[in-house]
Amino acid sequence: MPKGYWIAQIDVTDPERYKAYVAANAHPLKKYGARFLVRAGRFENPEGSTRSRNVVIEFPSYQAALDCWHSPEYQAAIRLRLPVSTGDLVIIEGYDGPQPA
């Protein structure tokens, strides 16, 4: 079964208040088996547009990624994030097929 991923790009307008969101999202992310693969590290943007913060979170399945986002715990966390950031989030199923040789 392919894993699930959240791919997010965020601009944070109030870093101090954003910390409340980070604290609030810890429980639902752990509950649904999330693991950070990328968390606001260095990056270059050779094509297209981006935001100042990039995050990739891996879940054990696509369904777990969806369930986490829809959970009451994560929805409560979102209410802390929305006033202090702007972002884009994609929930996507991983790929288990052939790879380049």
C-alpha atoms as a PDB file:
ATOM      1  CA  MET A   1       0.000   0.000   0.000  1.00  0.00           C
ATOM      2  CA  PRO A   2       1.498   3.389  -0.965  1.00  0.00           C
ATOM      3  CA  LYS A   3       2.263   5.890   1.735  1.00  0.00           C
ATOM      4  CA  GLY A   4       0.509   9.246   1.960  1.00  0.00           C
ATOM      5  CA  TYR A   5       2.129  12.666   2.065  1.00  0.00           C
ATOM      6  CA  TRP A   6       1.337  16.232   2.968  1.00  0.00           C
ATOM      7  CA  ILE A   7       3.269  18.725   0.869  1.00  0.00           C
ATOM      8  CA  ALA A   8       2.911  22.218   2.273  1.00  0.00           C
ATOM      9  CA  GLN A   9       4.303  25.634   1.428  1.00  0.00           C
ATOM     10  CA  ILE A  10       3.736  28.281   4.091  1.00  0.00           C
ATOM     11  CA  ASP A  11       4.473  31.969   4.674  1.00  0.00           C
ATOM     12  CA  VAL A  12       4.387  32.714   8.402  1.00  0.00           C
ATOM     13  CA  THR A  13       3.462  36.286   9.340  1.00  0.00           C
ATOM     14  CA  ASP A  14       3.743  35.909  13.131  1.00  0.00           C
ATOM     15  CA  PRO A  15       6.381  33.350  14.168  1.00  0.00           C
ATOM     16  CA  GLU A  16       5.581  33.632  17.882  1.00  0.00           C
ATOM     17  CA  ARG A  17       1.889  32.861  17.451  1.00  0.00           C
ATOM     18  CA  TYR A  18       2.731  30.150  14.882  1.00  0.00           C
ATOM     19  CA  LYS A  19       4.428  28.206  17.703  1.00  0.00           C
ATOM     20  CA  ALA A  20       0.967  27.517  19.171  1.00  0.00           C
ATOM     21  CA  TYR A  21      -0.009  25.776  15.916  1.00  0.00           C
ATOM     22  CA  VAL A  22       3.183  23.692  15.938  1.00  0.00           C
ATOM     23  CA  ALA A  23       2.458  22.584  19.520  1.00  0.00           C
ATOM     24  CA  ALA A  24      -1.188  21.800  18.706  1.00  0.00           C
ATOM     25  CA  ASN A  25      -0.436  19.748  15.597  1.00  0.00           C
ATOM     26  CA  ALA A  26       2.003  17.428  17.407  1.00  0.00           C
ATOM     27  CA  HIS A  27      -0.717  15.182  18.868  1.00  0.00           C
ATOM     28  CA  PRO A  28      -2.705  14.496  15.678  1.00  0.00           C
ATOM     29  CA  LEU A  29       0.461  14.040  13.622  1.00  0.00           C
ATOM     30  CA  LYS A  30       1.752  11.454  16.103  1.00  0.00           C
ATOM     31  CA  LYS A  31      -1.669   9.775  16.359  1.00  0.00           C
ATOM     32  CA  TYR A  32      -1.754   9.181  12.586  1.00  0.00           C
ATOM     33  CA  GLY A  33       1.863   8.022  12.278  1.00  0.00           C
ATOM     34  CA  ALA A  34       3.315  11.130  10.624  1.00  0.00           C
ATOM     35  CA  ARG A  35       7.027  11.598  10.042  1.00  0.00           C
ATOM     36  CA  PHE A  36       8.649  14.833   8.868  1.00  0.00           C
ATOM     37  CA  LEU A  37      10.802  14.363   5.773  1.00  0.00           C
ATOM     38  CA  VAL A  38      11.280  18.084   5.109  1.00  0.00           C
ATOM     39  CA  ARG A  39      10.744  20.795   7.686  1.00  0.00           C
ATOM     40  CA  ALA A  40      11.715  24.298   6.525  1.00  0.00           C
ATOM     41  CA  GLY A  41      15.291  23.506   5.488  1.00  0.00           C
ATOM     42  CA  ARG A  42      17.462  25.314   2.960  1.00  0.00           C
ATOM     43  CA  PHE A  43      16.085  25.340  -0.565  1.00  0.00           C
ATOM     44  CA  GLU A  44      16.450  26.804  -4.038  1.00  0.00           C
ATOM     45  CA  ASN A  45      13.504  27.522  -6.282  1.00  0.00           C
ATOM     46  CA  PRO A  46      14.711  27.082  -9.880  1.00  0.00           C
ATOM     47  CA  GLU A  47      11.187  27.047 -11.367  1.00  0.00           C
ATOM     48  CA  GLY A  48       7.762  28.440 -10.520  1.00  0.00           C
ATOM     49  CA  SER A  49       6.769  30.152  -7.308  1.00  0.00           C
ATOM     50  CA  THR A  50       7.200  29.134  -3.701  1.00  0.00           C
ATOM     51  CA  ARG A  51       6.719  30.312  -0.150  1.00  0.00           C
ATOM     52  CA  SER A  52       9.282  30.836   2.592  1.00  0.00           C
ATOM     53  CA  ARG A  53       8.646  27.519   4.424  1.00  0.00           C
ATOM     54  CA  ASN A  54       8.369  24.075   2.799  1.00  0.00           C
ATOM     55  CA  VAL A  55       7.237  20.924   4.612  1.00  0.00           C
ATOM     56  CA  VAL A  56       6.831  17.292   3.524  1.00  0.00           C
ATOM     57  CA  ILE A  57       5.204  14.900   5.991  1.00  0.00           C
ATOM     58  CA  GLU A  58       4.984  11.167   5.379  1.00  0.00           C
ATOM     59  CA  PHE A  59       2.110   9.007   6.662  1.00  0.00           C
ATOM     60  CA  PRO A  60       1.866   5.206   6.669  1.00  0.00           C
ATOM     61  CA  SER A  61      -0.954   5.415   4.086  1.00  0.00           C
ATOM     62  CA  TYR A  62      -2.889   7.882   1.977  1.00  0.00           C
ATOM     63  CA  GLN A  63      -5.938   7.212   4.169  1.00  0.00           C
ATOM     64  CA  ALA A  64      -3.973   8.092   7.322  1.00  0.00           C
ATOM     65  CA  ALA A  65      -2.906  11.382   5.694  1.00  0.00           C
ATOM     66  CA  LEU A  66      -6.537  12.206   4.902  1.00  0.00           C
ATOM     67  CA  ASP A  67      -7.795  11.080   8.315  1.00  0.00           C
ATOM     68  CA  CYS A  68      -5.241  13.253  10.108  1.00  0.00           C
ATOM     69  CA  TRP A  69      -6.239  16.372   8.177  1.00  0.00           C
ATOM     70  CA  HIS A  70      -9.949  15.728   8.812  1.00  0.00           C
ATOM     71  CA  SER A  71      -9.472  14.877  12.499  1.00  0.00           C
ATOM     72  CA  PRO A  72     -11.011  17.209  15.089  1.00  0.00           C
ATOM     73  CA  GLU A  73      -7.567  17.620  16.687  1.00  0.00           C
ATOM     74  CA  TYR A  74      -5.946  18.837  13.488  1.00  0.00           C
ATOM     75  CA  GLN A  75      -8.899  21.052  12.600  1.00  0.00           C
ATOM     76  CA  ALA A  76      -8.445  22.751  15.995  1.00  0.00           C
ATOM     77  CA  ALA A  77      -4.747  23.268  15.186  1.00  0.00           C
ATOM     78  CA  ILE A  78      -5.608  24.812  11.822  1.00  0.00           C
ATOM     79  CA  ARG A  79      -7.649  27.492  13.570  1.00  0.00           C
ATOM     80  CA  LEU A  80      -4.410  28.568  15.303  1.00  0.00           C
ATOM     81  CA  ARG A  81      -2.458  28.642  12.030  1.00  0.00           C
ATOM     82  CA  LEU A  82      -4.824  30.474   9.715  1.00  0.00           C
ATOM     83  CA  PRO A  83      -4.615  33.936  11.332  1.00  0.00           C
ATOM     84  CA  VAL A  84      -0.791  33.917  11.306  1.00  0.00           C
ATOM     85  CA  SER A  85       0.111  32.272   7.995  1.00  0.00           C
ATOM     86  CA  THR A  86      -0.779  31.765   4.356  1.00  0.00           C
ATOM     87  CA  GLY A  87      -0.181  28.453   2.714  1.00  0.00           C
ATOM     88  CA  ASP A  88      -0.870  25.736   0.220  1.00  0.00           C
ATOM     89  CA  LEU A  89      -1.282  22.068   1.143  1.00  0.00           C
ATOM     90  CA  VAL A  90      -1.539  18.998  -1.066  1.00  0.00           C
ATOM     91  CA  ILE A  91      -2.401  15.563   0.337  1.00  0.00           C
ATOM     92  CA  ILE A  92      -1.062  13.029  -2.115  1.00  0.00           C
ATOM     93  CA  GLU A  93      -0.710   9.276  -2.468  1.00  0.00           C
ATOM     94  CA  GLY A  94       2.831   7.961  -2.804  1.00  0.00           C
ATOM     95  CA  TYR A  95       4.109   6.046  -5.823  1.00  0.00           C
ATOM     96  CA  ASP A  96       5.031   2.354  -5.584  1.00  0.00           C
ATOM     97  CA  GLY A  97       5.700   1.683  -9.267  1.00  0.00           C
ATOM     98  CA  PRO A  98       8.806   1.130 -11.378  1.00  0.00           C
ATOM     99  CA  GLN A  99      11.750   3.467 -10.955  1.00  0.00           C
ATOM    100  CA  PRO A 100      14.347   4.671 -13.490  1.00  0.00           C
ATOM    101  CA  ALA A 101      16.966   2.027 -14.236  1.00  0.00           C
END
